[in-house]
Amino acid sequence: MIIRIVGEQEWVKTKETTVSGASRVYVSWAKSSVEPEHKFIEQKKLTDRTIPYNASTNPYVSIGKIYMTQTQGIMLQKDATDVFVANTGSQVISATPIFTPSGAITE
């Protein structure tokens, strides 16, 4: 499989980010001075993905948490409207959109 990482990395922090609406992202630990113990990234989805976000009628709900390590990044698949949140400070966990050339993946 050919994987091309394109675009700017985005910092995952306590505020939600969609990572440029990508359907696949590469998530990695970016700050060696912060210990990863008890640190995680959480993926959330809209309660109903067919309508826009609304805090009272269509909030985000957690899909799950991933506890990170400093040495190994991960690739995650997501819906374009899914968001990531981390329990870290700024510039600790980065997420970069992944795009594949057409025809590179057969599903």
Protein backbone atom coordinates (compact mmCIF):
# COMPACT_ATOMS: atom_id res chain seq x y z
CA MET A 1 0.00 0.00 0.00
CA ILE A 2 1.23 3.49 -0.81
CA ILE A 3 0.64 6.02 1.93
CA ARG A 4 1.21 9.68 1.43
CA ILE A 5 1.12 11.97 4.46
CA VAL A 6 -0.07 15.33 3.20
CA GLY A 7 -0.86 18.58 4.91
CA GLU A 8 -0.01 20.28 8.13
CA GLN A 9 0.09 18.43 11.40
CA GLU A 10 -2.47 19.59 13.90
CA TRP A 11 -1.97 19.61 17.63
CA VAL A 12 -4.47 17.54 19.58
CA LYS A 13 -5.25 19.28 22.85
CA THR A 14 -8.19 19.72 25.19
CA LYS A 15 -10.14 21.50 22.43
CA GLU A 16 -11.63 19.27 19.71
CA THR A 17 -10.00 19.00 16.27
CA THR A 18 -11.28 17.15 13.17
CA VAL A 19 -7.76 16.95 11.65
CA SER A 20 -8.74 18.65 8.40
CA GLY A 21 -11.73 16.36 7.93
CA ALA A 22 -9.45 13.44 6.98
CA SER A 23 -10.70 9.85 7.10
CA ARG A 24 -7.29 8.51 8.21
CA VAL A 25 -4.75 10.18 10.47
CA TYR A 26 -1.27 9.47 11.80
CA VAL A 27 -1.05 10.28 15.50
CA SER A 28 2.29 10.60 17.28
CA TRP A 29 3.89 11.86 20.48
CA ALA A 30 5.82 15.04 19.76
CA LYS A 31 7.22 16.32 23.03
CA SER A 32 9.87 14.24 24.77
CA SER A 33 9.91 16.42 27.89
CA VAL A 34 6.37 15.29 28.79
CA GLU A 35 5.97 11.77 30.19
CA PRO A 36 3.17 9.73 28.54
CA GLU A 37 1.95 8.11 31.75
CA HIS A 38 -1.84 8.54 32.05
CA LYS A 39 -1.93 10.60 28.83
CA PHE A 40 -4.39 9.70 26.10
CA ILE A 41 -6.10 10.79 22.93
CA GLU A 42 -9.86 10.33 22.76
CA GLN A 43 -11.88 9.93 19.58
CA LYS A 44 -15.45 11.26 19.57
CA LYS A 45 -18.23 11.03 17.01
CA LEU A 46 -21.45 12.92 16.50
CA THR A 47 -24.50 11.26 18.00
CA ASP A 48 -26.08 11.51 14.52
CA ARG A 49 -23.52 11.95 11.73
CA THR A 50 -26.18 13.07 9.24
CA ILE A 51 -26.78 16.41 10.95
CA PRO A 52 -24.37 19.14 12.14
CA TYR A 53 -22.96 19.42 15.66
CA ASN A 54 -25.19 21.01 18.28
CA ALA A 55 -24.22 20.87 21.96
CA SER A 56 -27.76 20.17 23.15
CA THR A 57 -29.34 18.14 20.32
CA ASN A 58 -26.40 16.42 18.58
CA PRO A 59 -23.37 16.30 20.90
CA TYR A 60 -20.14 14.37 20.44
CA VAL A 61 -19.95 10.99 22.21
CA SER A 62 -16.78 9.08 22.99
CA ILE A 63 -15.75 6.16 20.76
CA GLY A 64 -12.75 5.36 22.96
CA LYS A 65 -9.42 6.43 24.42
CA ILE A 66 -5.95 5.42 23.27
CA TYR A 67 -3.07 5.70 25.70
CA MET A 68 -0.01 6.90 23.81
CA THR A 69 3.68 6.02 24.00
CA GLN A 70 6.57 8.26 23.05
CA THR A 71 8.14 5.75 20.68
CA GLN A 72 5.41 4.54 18.38
CA GLY A 73 2.86 6.46 16.36
CA ILE A 74 -0.49 5.02 15.29
CA MET A 75 -2.77 5.30 12.30
CA LEU A 76 -6.47 5.72 12.96
CA GLN A 77 -9.46 5.57 10.68
CA LYS A 78 -12.23 8.06 11.36
CA ASP A 79 -15.27 9.73 9.89
CA ALA A 80 -14.62 13.23 8.55
CA THR A 81 -16.78 14.69 11.34
CA ASP A 82 -15.08 12.76 14.17
CA VAL A 83 -12.91 14.78 16.52
CA PHE A 84 -9.89 14.07 18.71
CA VAL A 85 -9.28 15.44 22.19
CA ALA A 86 -6.24 14.86 24.42
CA ASN A 87 -5.65 15.29 28.13
CA THR A 88 -2.29 16.92 27.49
CA GLY A 89 -1.14 20.47 27.10
CA SER A 90 -0.35 22.18 23.84
CA GLN A 91 2.08 20.69 21.29
CA VAL A 92 2.38 17.23 22.88
CA ILE A 93 0.37 14.95 20.55
CA SER A 94 0.19 15.67 16.82
CA ALA A 95 -2.20 14.31 14.22
CA THR A 96 -1.45 14.49 10.49
CA PRO A 97 -4.01 13.73 7.76
CA ILE A 98 -3.23 10.70 5.57
CA PHE A 99 -4.37 10.56 1.97
CA THR A 100 -3.83 7.67 -0.43
CA PRO A 101 -3.60 7.91 -4.21
CA SER A 102 -6.75 6.63 -5.91
CA GLY A 103 -6.58 2.90 -6.54
CA ALA A 104 -3.86 2.34 -3.91
CA ILE A 105 -6.24 0.73 -1.44
CA THR A 106 -8.61 -2.04 -2.33
CA GLU A 107 -11.28 -2.57 0.27
